[in-house]
C-alpha cells in the first residue's frame, strides 16, 4: 500500500515526519516533543517556506489549522494536481 500524505491526500512513495509543535520550541522549554504527522516532502517544504516556527507553534499546530490557512489552501489545490513521483518545486 502506498503511503498517503495527511495534508494533500496524495499517495506518494515516501512520507516525512512533521512536528506540529516545532522542535525548536519544545527543546528550549525542555518540553515533550509533541504530536507529529506524516506528510509528503512537497507539503513539508512548503510549510517551512511559508511560515516561521513561531507562527507554526502559536497558530498552526494541527493538520486542520494548516489546511484552513489560505496560503496553504492555494498550494494544496495546486499540488494535488501534480504527479506524486515528481519532485515538486516550492515557492514563497
PDB file of N, CA and C in Angstrom:
ATOM      1  N   UNK A   1       0.843  -1.191   0.000  1.00  0.00           N
ATOM      2  CA  UNK A   1       0.000   0.000   0.000  1.00  0.00           C
ATOM      3  C   UNK A   1       0.889   1.257   0.000  1.00  0.00           C
ATOM      4  N   UNK A   2       0.583   2.192  -0.855  1.00  0.00           N
ATOM      5  CA  UNK A   2       1.341   3.437  -0.948  1.00  0.00           C
ATOM      6  C   UNK A   2       0.917   4.382   0.172  1.00  0.00           C
ATOM      7  N   UNK A   3       1.894   4.993   0.864  1.00  0.00           N
ATOM      8  CA  UNK A   3       1.538   5.923   1.934  1.00  0.00           C
ATOM      9  C   UNK A   3       0.826   7.163   1.384  1.00  0.00           C
ATOM     10  N   UNK A   4      -0.020   7.763   2.208  1.00  0.00           N
ATOM     11  CA  UNK A   4      -0.819   8.911   1.803  1.00  0.00           C
ATOM     12  C   UNK A   4      -0.486  10.120   2.682  1.00  0.00           C
ATOM     13  N   UNK A   5      -0.226  11.246   2.058  1.00  0.00           N
ATOM     14  CA  UNK A   5       0.073  12.489   2.778  1.00  0.00           C
ATOM     15  C   UNK A   5      -1.171  12.942   3.536  1.00  0.00           C
ATOM     16  N   UNK A   6      -0.995  13.252   4.806  1.00  0.00           N
ATOM     17  CA  UNK A   6      -2.121  13.679   5.633  1.00  0.00           C
ATOM     18  C   UNK A   6      -2.572  15.101   5.312  1.00  0.00           C
ATOM     19  N   UNK A   7      -1.779  15.837   4.544  1.00  0.00           N
ATOM     20  CA  UNK A   7      -2.133  17.218   4.222  1.00  0.00           C
ATOM     21  C   UNK A   7      -2.765  17.332   2.832  1.00  0.00           C
ATOM     22  N   UNK A   8      -2.102  16.822   1.814  1.00  0.00           N
ATOM     23  CA  UNK A   8      -2.627  16.963   0.445  1.00  0.00           C
ATOM     24  C   UNK A   8      -3.407  15.727  -0.019  1.00  0.00           C
ATOM     25  N   UNK A   9      -3.359  14.652   0.756  1.00  0.00           N
ATOM     26  CA  UNK A   9      -4.078  13.403   0.451  1.00  0.00           C
ATOM     27  C   UNK A   9      -3.558  12.681  -0.793  1.00  0.00           C
ATOM     28  N   UNK A  10      -2.359  13.048  -1.280  1.00  0.00           N
ATOM     29  CA  UNK A  10      -1.791  12.317  -2.416  1.00  0.00           C
ATOM     30  C   UNK A  10      -1.106  11.053  -1.916  1.00  0.00           C
ATOM     31  N   UNK A  11      -1.163  10.017  -2.722  1.00  0.00           N
ATOM     32  CA  UNK A  11      -0.404   8.803  -2.434  1.00  0.00           C
ATOM     33  C   UNK A  11       0.992   9.014  -3.009  1.00  0.00           C
ATOM     34  N   UNK A  12       1.990   8.977  -2.142  1.00  0.00           N
ATOM     35  CA  UNK A  12       3.365   9.253  -2.543  1.00  0.00           C
ATOM     36  C   UNK A  12       4.270   8.105  -2.104  1.00  0.00           C
ATOM     37  N   UNK A  13       5.430   7.958  -2.757  1.00  0.00           N
ATOM     38  CA  UNK A  13       6.316   6.841  -2.413  1.00  0.00           C
ATOM     39  C   UNK A  13       6.869   6.914  -0.984  1.00  0.00           C
ATOM     40  N   UNK A  14       7.067   8.134  -0.469  1.00  0.00           N
ATOM     41  CA  UNK A  14       7.686   8.287   0.844  1.00  0.00           C
ATOM     42  C   UNK A  14       7.115   9.503   1.572  1.00  0.00           C
ATOM     43  N   UNK A  15       6.960   9.382   2.896  1.00  0.00           N
ATOM     44  CA  UNK A  15       6.473  10.492   3.708  1.00  0.00           C
ATOM     45  C   UNK A  15       7.569  10.980   4.654  1.00  0.00           C
ATOM     46  N   UNK A  16       7.420  12.211   5.117  1.00  0.00           N
ATOM     47  CA  UNK A  16       8.331  12.768   6.115  1.00  0.00           C
ATOM     48  C   UNK A  16       7.532  13.055   7.382  1.00  0.00           C
ATOM     49  N   UNK A  17       8.231  13.151   8.503  1.00  0.00           N
ATOM     50  CA  UNK A  17       7.574  13.445   9.779  1.00  0.00           C
ATOM     51  C   UNK A  17       7.642  14.945  10.027  1.00  0.00           C
ATOM     52  N   UNK A  18       6.492  15.552  10.243  1.00  0.00           N
ATOM     53  CA  UNK A  18       6.411  16.983  10.558  1.00  0.00           C
ATOM     54  C   UNK A  18       5.978  17.129  12.008  1.00  0.00           C
ATOM     55  N   UNK A  19       6.752  17.875  12.788  1.00  0.00           N
ATOM     56  CA  UNK A  19       6.399  18.142  14.186  1.00  0.00           C
ATOM     57  C   UNK A  19       5.391  19.286  14.206  1.00  0.00           C
ATOM     58  N   UNK A  20       4.202  19.028  14.709  1.00  0.00           N
ATOM     59  CA  UNK A  20       3.159  20.050  14.726  1.00  0.00           C
ATOM     60  C   UNK A  20       3.525  21.195  15.675  1.00  0.00           C
ATOM     61  N   UNK A  21       4.289  20.910  16.702  1.00  0.00           N
ATOM     62  CA  UNK A  21       4.892  21.954  17.535  1.00  0.00           C
ATOM     63  C   UNK A  21       6.384  21.892  17.219  1.00  0.00           C
ATOM     64  N   UNK A  22       6.921  22.932  16.586  1.00  0.00           N
ATOM     65  CA  UNK A  22       8.314  22.889  16.151  1.00  0.00           C
ATOM     66  C   UNK A  22       9.265  22.440  17.255  1.00  0.00           C
ATOM     67  N   UNK A  23      10.211  21.602  16.903  1.00  0.00           N
ATOM     68  CA  UNK A  23      11.179  21.070  17.869  1.00  0.00           C
ATOM     69  C   UNK A  23      11.985  22.190  18.514  1.00  0.00           C
ATOM     70  N   UNK A  24      12.243  23.237  17.774  1.00  0.00           N
ATOM     71  CA  UNK A  24      12.961  24.395  18.307  1.00  0.00           C
ATOM     72  C   UNK A  24      12.228  24.924  19.547  1.00  0.00           C
ATOM     73  N   UNK A  25      10.921  24.965  19.503  1.00  0.00           N
ATOM     74  CA  UNK A  25      10.109  25.468  20.608  1.00  0.00           C
ATOM     75  C   UNK A  25      10.139  24.521  21.797  1.00  0.00           C
ATOM     76  N   UNK A  26      10.007  23.225  21.537  1.00  0.00           N
ATOM     77  CA  UNK A  26       9.945  22.263  22.639  1.00  0.00           C
ATOM     78  C   UNK A  26      11.313  22.045  23.279  1.00  0.00           C
ATOM     79  N   UNK A  27      12.394  22.130  22.500  1.00  0.00           N
ATOM     80  CA  UNK A  27      13.741  21.948  23.057  1.00  0.00           C
ATOM     81  C   UNK A  27      14.066  23.036  24.067  1.00  0.00           C
ATOM     82  N   UNK A  28      13.759  24.273  23.731  1.00  0.00           N
ATOM     83  CA  UNK A  28      14.062  25.405  24.619  1.00  0.00           C
ATOM     84  C   UNK A  28      13.355  25.274  25.952  1.00  0.00           C
ATOM     85  N   UNK A  29      12.129  24.823  25.912  1.00  0.00           N
ATOM     86  CA  UNK A  29      11.330  24.706  27.137  1.00  0.00           C
ATOM     87  C   UNK A  29      11.529  23.360  27.816  1.00  0.00           C
ATOM     88  N   UNK A  30      12.395  22.523  27.216  1.00  0.00           N
ATOM     89  CA  UNK A  30      12.613  21.163  27.701  1.00  0.00           C
ATOM     90  C   UNK A  30      11.279  20.430  27.863  1.00  0.00           C
ATOM     91  N   UNK A  31      10.399  20.689  26.920  1.00  0.00           N
ATOM     92  CA  UNK A  31       9.071  20.081  26.917  1.00  0.00           C
ATOM     93  C   UNK A  31       9.074  18.817  26.062  1.00  0.00           C
ATOM     94  N   UNK A  32       8.010  18.061  26.184  1.00  0.00           N
ATOM     95  CA  UNK A  32       7.844  16.877  25.356  1.00  0.00           C
ATOM     96  C   UNK A  32       7.789  17.299  23.889  1.00  0.00           C
ATOM     97  N   UNK A  33       8.270  16.428  23.018  1.00  0.00           N
ATOM     98  CA  UNK A  33       8.337  16.747  21.589  1.00  0.00           C
ATOM     99  C   UNK A  33       6.958  17.100  21.024  1.00  0.00           C
ATOM    100  N   UNK A  34       5.933  16.446  21.438  1.00  0.00           N
ATOM    101  CA  UNK A  34       4.591  16.767  20.974  1.00  0.00           C
ATOM    102  C   UNK A  34       4.176  15.951  19.767  1.00  0.00           C
ATOM    103  N   UNK A  35       2.987  16.217  19.256  1.00  0.00           N
ATOM    104  CA  UNK A  35       2.438  15.417  18.161  1.00  0.00           C
ATOM    105  C   UNK A  35       3.165  15.643  16.838  1.00  0.00           C
ATOM    106  N   UNK A  36       3.145  14.602  16.027  1.00  0.00           N
ATOM    107  CA  UNK A  36       3.724  14.676  14.686  1.00  0.00           C
ATOM    108  C   UNK A  36       2.678  14.202  13.688  1.00  0.00           C
ATOM    109  N   UNK A  37       2.953  14.460  12.429  1.00  0.00           N
ATOM    110  CA  UNK A  37       2.093  13.993  11.355  1.00  0.00           C
ATOM    111  C   UNK A  37       2.979  13.570  10.195  1.00  0.00           C
ATOM    112  N   UNK A  38       2.489  12.672   9.366  1.00  0.00           N
ATOM    113  CA  UNK A  38       3.267  12.218   8.211  1.00  0.00           C
ATOM    114  C   UNK A  38       2.732  12.885   6.948  1.00  0.00           C
ATOM    115  N   UNK A  39       3.626  13.645   6.312  1.00  0.00           N
ATOM    116  CA  UNK A  39       3.249  14.384   5.109  1.00  0.00           C
ATOM    117  C   UNK A  39       4.319  14.200   4.037  1.00  0.00           C
ATOM    118  N   UNK A  40       3.961  14.523   2.797  1.00  0.00           N
ATOM    119  CA  UNK A  40       4.921  14.395   1.698  1.00  0.00           C
ATOM    120  C   UNK A  40       5.958  15.514   1.794  1.00  0.00           C
ATOM    121  N   UNK A  41       7.068  15.325   1.125  1.00  0.00           N
ATOM    122  CA  UNK A  41       8.152  16.314   1.207  1.00  0.00           C
ATOM    123  C   UNK A  41       7.747  17.657   0.598  1.00  0.00           C
ATOM    124  N   UNK A  42       6.898  17.650  -0.421  1.00  0.00           N
ATOM    125  CA  UNK A  42       6.461  18.911  -1.034  1.00  0.00           C
ATOM    126  C   UNK A  42       5.677  19.748  -0.028  1.00  0.00           C
ATOM    127  N   UNK A  43       4.735  19.130   0.663  1.00  0.00           N
ATOM    128  CA  UNK A  43       3.949  19.850   1.672  1.00  0.00           C
ATOM    129  C   UNK A  43       4.847  20.304   2.818  1.00  0.00           C
ATOM    130  N   UNK A  44       5.765  19.444   3.237  1.00  0.00           N
ATOM    131  CA  UNK A  44       6.664  19.765   4.346  1.00  0.00           C
ATOM    132  C   UNK A  44       7.532  20.979   4.002  1.00  0.00           C
ATOM    133  N   UNK A  45       8.108  20.969   2.820  1.00  0.00           N
ATOM    134  CA  UNK A  45       8.942  22.104   2.399  1.00  0.00           C
ATOM    135  C   UNK A  45       8.116  23.378   2.300  1.00  0.00           C
ATOM    136  N   UNK A  46       6.912  23.277   1.753  1.00  0.00           N
ATOM    137  CA  UNK A  46       6.071  24.462   1.581  1.00  0.00           C
ATOM    138  C   UNK A  46       5.670  25.064   2.932  1.00  0.00           C
ATOM    139  N   UNK A  47       5.368  24.238   3.903  1.00  0.00           N
ATOM    140  CA  UNK A  47       5.032  24.736   5.247  1.00  0.00           C
ATOM    141  C   UNK A  47       6.162  25.609   5.771  1.00  0.00           C
ATOM    142  N   UNK A  48       7.400  25.115   5.661  1.00  0.00           N
ATOM    143  CA  UNK A  48       8.531  25.843   6.217  1.00  0.00           C
ATOM    144  C   UNK A  48       8.959  27.040   5.371  1.00  0.00           C
ATOM    145  N   UNK A  49       8.551  27.077   4.122  1.00  0.00           N
ATOM    146  CA  UNK A  49       8.789  28.258   3.285  1.00  0.00           C
ATOM    147  C   UNK A  49       7.793  29.358   3.656  1.00  0.00           C
ATOM    148  N   UNK A  50       6.552  28.987   3.890  1.00  0.00           N
ATOM    149  CA  UNK A  50       5.500  29.971   4.149  1.00  0.00           C
ATOM    150  C   UNK A  50       5.468  30.504   5.580  1.00  0.00           C
ATOM    151  N   UNK A  51       5.800  29.663   6.547  1.00  0.00           N
ATOM    152  CA  UNK A  51       5.576  30.033   7.944  1.00  0.00           C
ATOM    153  C   UNK A  51       6.837  29.848   8.786  1.00  0.00           C
ATOM    154  N   UNK A  52       7.078  30.791   9.691  1.00  0.00           N
ATOM    155  CA  UNK A  52       8.206  30.612  10.610  1.00  0.00           C
ATOM    156  C   UNK A  52       7.759  29.742  11.789  1.00  0.00           C
ATOM    157  N   UNK A  53       8.728  29.262  12.553  1.00  0.00           N
ATOM    158  CA  UNK A  53       8.425  28.345  13.656  1.00  0.00           C
ATOM    159  C   UNK A  53       7.549  28.967  14.729  1.00  0.00           C
ATOM    160  N   UNK A  54       7.686  30.270  14.941  1.00  0.00           N
ATOM    161  CA  UNK A  54       6.849  30.939  15.952  1.00  0.00           C
ATOM    162  C   UNK A  54       5.377  30.863  15.558  1.00  0.00           C
ATOM    163  N   UNK A  55       5.096  31.152  14.302  1.00  0.00           N
ATOM    164  CA  UNK A  55       3.695  31.101  13.850  1.00  0.00           C
ATOM    165  C   UNK A  55       3.173  29.659  13.850  1.00  0.00           C
ATOM    166  N   UNK A  56       4.023  28.717  13.441  1.00  0.00           N
ATOM    167  CA  UNK A  56       3.617  27.314  13.455  1.00  0.00           C
ATOM    168  C   UNK A  56       3.247  26.880  14.874  1.00  0.00           C
ATOM    169  N   UNK A  57       4.067  27.258  15.850  1.00  0.00           N
ATOM    170  CA  UNK A  57       3.815  26.868  17.242  1.00  0.00           C
ATOM    171  C   UNK A  57       2.575  27.563  17.800  1.00  0.00           C
ATOM    172  N   UNK A  58       2.397  28.824  17.449  1.00  0.00           N
ATOM    173  CA  UNK A  58       1.323  29.639  18.028  1.00  0.00           C
ATOM    174  C   UNK A  58      -0.032  29.388  17.370  1.00  0.00           C
ATOM    175  N   UNK A  59      -0.053  29.255  16.036  1.00  0.00           N
ATOM    176  CA  UNK A  59      -1.339  29.248  15.334  1.00  0.00           C
ATOM    177  C   UNK A  59      -1.624  28.015  14.480  1.00  0.00           C
ATOM    178  N   UNK A  60      -0.592  27.328  14.012  1.00  0.00           N
ATOM    179  CA  UNK A  60      -0.797  26.280  13.012  1.00  0.00           C
ATOM    180  C   UNK A  60      -0.298  24.930  13.523  1.00  0.00           C
ATOM    181  N   UNK A  61      -0.786  24.526  14.689  1.00  0.00           N
ATOM    182  CA  UNK A  61      -0.276  23.326  15.351  1.00  0.00           C
ATOM    183  C   UNK A  61      -1.145  22.079  15.152  1.00  0.00           C
ATOM    184  N   UNK A  62      -1.905  22.062  14.054  1.00  0.00           N
ATOM    185  CA  UNK A  62      -2.689  20.863  13.704  1.00  0.00           C
ATOM    186  C   UNK A  62      -2.859  20.801  12.189  1.00  0.00           C
ATOM    187  N   UNK A  63      -3.160  19.616  11.714  1.00  0.00           N
ATOM    188  CA  UNK A  63      -3.401  19.436  10.270  1.00  0.00           C
ATOM    189  C   UNK A  63      -4.596  20.282   9.839  1.00  0.00           C
ATOM    190  N   UNK A  64      -5.633  20.314  10.654  1.00  0.00           N
ATOM    191  CA  UNK A  64      -6.836  21.077  10.316  1.00  0.00           C
ATOM    192  C   UNK A  64      -6.521  22.567  10.160  1.00  0.00           C
ATOM    193  N   UNK A  65      -5.724  23.114  11.080  1.00  0.00           N
ATOM    194  CA  UNK A  65      -5.371  24.531  11.009  1.00  0.00           C
ATOM    195  C   UNK A  65      -4.501  24.818   9.786  1.00  0.00           C
ATOM    196  N   UNK A  66      -3.571  23.904   9.475  1.00  0.00           N
ATOM    197  CA  UNK A  66      -2.751  24.081   8.282  1.00  0.00           C
ATOM    198  C   UNK A  66      -3.609  24.051   7.018  1.00  0.00           C
ATOM    199  N   UNK A  67      -4.551  23.117   6.952  1.00  0.00           N
ATOM    200  CA  UNK A  67      -5.432  23.012   5.777  1.00  0.00           C
ATOM    201  C   UNK A  67      -6.324  24.242   5.621  1.00  0.00           C
ATOM    202  N   UNK A  68      -6.659  24.904   6.740  1.00  0.00           N
ATOM    203  CA  UNK A  68      -7.556  26.062   6.701  1.00  0.00           C
ATOM    204  C   UNK A  68      -6.819  27.368   6.367  1.00  0.00           C
ATOM    205  N   UNK A  69      -5.499  27.374   6.439  1.00  0.00           N
ATOM    206  CA  UNK A  69      -4.725  28.584   6.187  1.00  0.00           C
ATOM    207  C   UNK A  69      -4.769  28.915   4.691  1.00  0.00           C
ATOM    208  N   UNK A  70      -5.187  30.135   4.322  1.00  0.00           N
ATOM    209  CA  UNK A  70      -5.363  30.476   2.900  1.00  0.00           C
ATOM    210  C   UNK A  70      -4.150  30.223   1.996  1.00  0.00           C
ATOM    211  N   UNK A  71      -2.946  30.570   2.434  1.00  0.00           N
ATOM    212  CA  UNK A  71      -1.763  30.335   1.591  1.00  0.00           C
ATOM    213  C   UNK A  71      -1.546  28.839   1.372  1.00  0.00           C
ATOM    214  N   UNK A  72      -1.816  28.047   2.392  1.00  0.00           N
ATOM    215  CA  UNK A  72      -1.638  26.601   2.271  1.00  0.00           C
ATOM    216  C   UNK A  72      -2.735  26.011   1.389  1.00  0.00           C
ATOM    217  N   UNK A  73      -3.947  26.526   1.483  1.00  0.00           N
ATOM    218  CA  UNK A  73      -5.055  26.040   0.643  1.00  0.00           C
ATOM    219  C   UNK A  73      -4.715  26.206  -0.827  1.00  0.00           C
ATOM    220  N   UNK A  74      -4.147  27.351  -1.170  1.00  0.00           N
ATOM    221  CA  UNK A  74      -3.768  27.623  -2.559  1.00  0.00           C
ATOM    222  C   UNK A  74      -2.726  26.599  -3.030  1.00  0.00           C
ATOM    223  N   UNK A  75      -1.717  26.348  -2.192  1.00  0.00           N
ATOM    224  CA  UNK A  75      -0.689  25.366  -2.535  1.00  0.00           C
ATOM    225  C   UNK A  75      -1.288  23.969  -2.659  1.00  0.00           C
ATOM    226  N   UNK A  76      -2.151  23.585  -1.719  1.00  0.00           N
ATOM    227  CA  UNK A  76      -2.739  22.239  -1.725  1.00  0.00           C
ATOM    228  C   UNK A  76      -3.580  22.009  -2.977  1.00  0.00           C
ATOM    229  N   UNK A  77      -4.334  23.025  -3.392  1.00  0.00           N
ATOM    230  CA  UNK A  77      -5.140  22.903  -4.613  1.00  0.00           C
ATOM    231  C   UNK A  77      -4.238  22.634  -5.814  1.00  0.00           C
ATOM    232  N   UNK A  78      -3.075  23.287  -5.840  1.00  0.00           N
ATOM    233  CA  UNK A  78      -2.135  23.100  -6.945  1.00  0.00           C
ATOM    234  C   UNK A  78      -1.412  21.755  -6.856  1.00  0.00           C
ATOM    235  N   UNK A  79      -0.890  21.404  -5.682  1.00  0.00           N
ATOM    236  CA  UNK A  79      -0.063  20.205  -5.552  1.00  0.00           C
ATOM    237  C   UNK A  79      -0.856  18.925  -5.776  1.00  0.00           C
ATOM    238  N   UNK A  80      -2.136  18.951  -5.487  1.00  0.00           N
ATOM    239  CA  UNK A  80      -2.972  17.752  -5.699  1.00  0.00           C
ATOM    240  C   UNK A  80      -3.016  17.345  -7.166  1.00  0.00           C
ATOM    241  N   UNK A  81      -2.734  18.288  -8.054  1.00  0.00           N
ATOM    242  CA  UNK A  81      -2.743  18.014  -9.500  1.00  0.00           C
ATOM    243  C   UNK A  81      -1.394  17.505 -10.004  1.00  0.00           C
ATOM    244  N   UNK A  82      -0.371  17.530  -9.141  1.00  0.00           N
ATOM    245  CA  UNK A  82       0.983  17.155  -9.547  1.00  0.00           C
ATOM    246  C   UNK A  82       1.213  15.655  -9.371  1.00  0.00           C
ATOM    247  N   UNK A  83       2.097  15.120 -10.180  1.00  0.00           N
ATOM    248  CA  UNK A  83       2.452  13.704 -10.095  1.00  0.00           C
ATOM    249  C   UNK A  83       3.140  13.425  -8.759  1.00  0.00           C
ATOM    250  N   UNK A  84       2.704  12.396  -8.045  1.00  0.00           N
ATOM    251  CA  UNK A  84       3.331  12.083  -6.763  1.00  0.00           C
ATOM    252  C   UNK A  84       4.757  11.545  -6.906  1.00  0.00           C
ATOM    253  N   UNK A  85       5.161  11.181  -8.100  1.00  0.00           N
ATOM    254  CA  UNK A  85       6.502  10.650  -8.319  1.00  0.00           C
ATOM    255  C   UNK A  85       7.511  11.716  -8.737  1.00  0.00           C
ATOM    256  N   UNK A  86       7.040  12.928  -8.941  1.00  0.00           N
ATOM    257  CA  UNK A  86       7.894  14.025  -9.392  1.00  0.00           C
ATOM    258  C   UNK A  86       8.236  14.938  -8.217  1.00  0.00           C
ATOM    259  N   UNK A  87       9.484  15.400  -8.146  1.00  0.00           N
ATOM    260  CA  UNK A  87       9.851  16.354  -7.099  1.00  0.00           C
ATOM    261  C   UNK A  87       9.217  17.698  -7.452  1.00  0.00           C
ATOM    262  N   UNK A  88       8.464  18.239  -6.521  1.00  0.00           N
ATOM    263  CA  UNK A  88       7.727  19.478  -6.731  1.00  0.00           C
ATOM    264  C   UNK A  88       8.513  20.659  -6.183  1.00  0.00           C
ATOM    265  N   UNK A  89       8.630  21.716  -6.979  1.00  0.00           N
ATOM    266  CA  UNK A  89       9.296  22.930  -6.520  1.00  0.00           C
ATOM    267  C   UNK A  89       8.345  23.721  -5.630  1.00  0.00           C
ATOM    268  N   UNK A  90       8.885  24.318  -4.585  1.00  0.00           N
ATOM    269  CA  UNK A  90       8.058  25.155  -3.708  1.00  0.00           C
ATOM    270  C   UNK A  90       8.502  26.588  -3.861  1.00  0.00           C
ATOM    271  N   UNK A  91       7.568  27.519  -3.700  1.00  0.00           N
ATOM    272  CA  UNK A  91       7.862  28.933  -3.876  1.00  0.00           C
ATOM    273  C   UNK A  91       7.237  29.745  -2.755  1.00  0.00           C
ATOM    274  N   UNK A  92       7.841  30.862  -2.494  1.00  0.00           N
ATOM    275  CA  UNK A  92       7.323  31.795  -1.472  1.00  0.00           C
ATOM    276  C   UNK A  92       6.094  32.506  -1.980  1.00  0.00           C
TER     277      UNK A  92
END
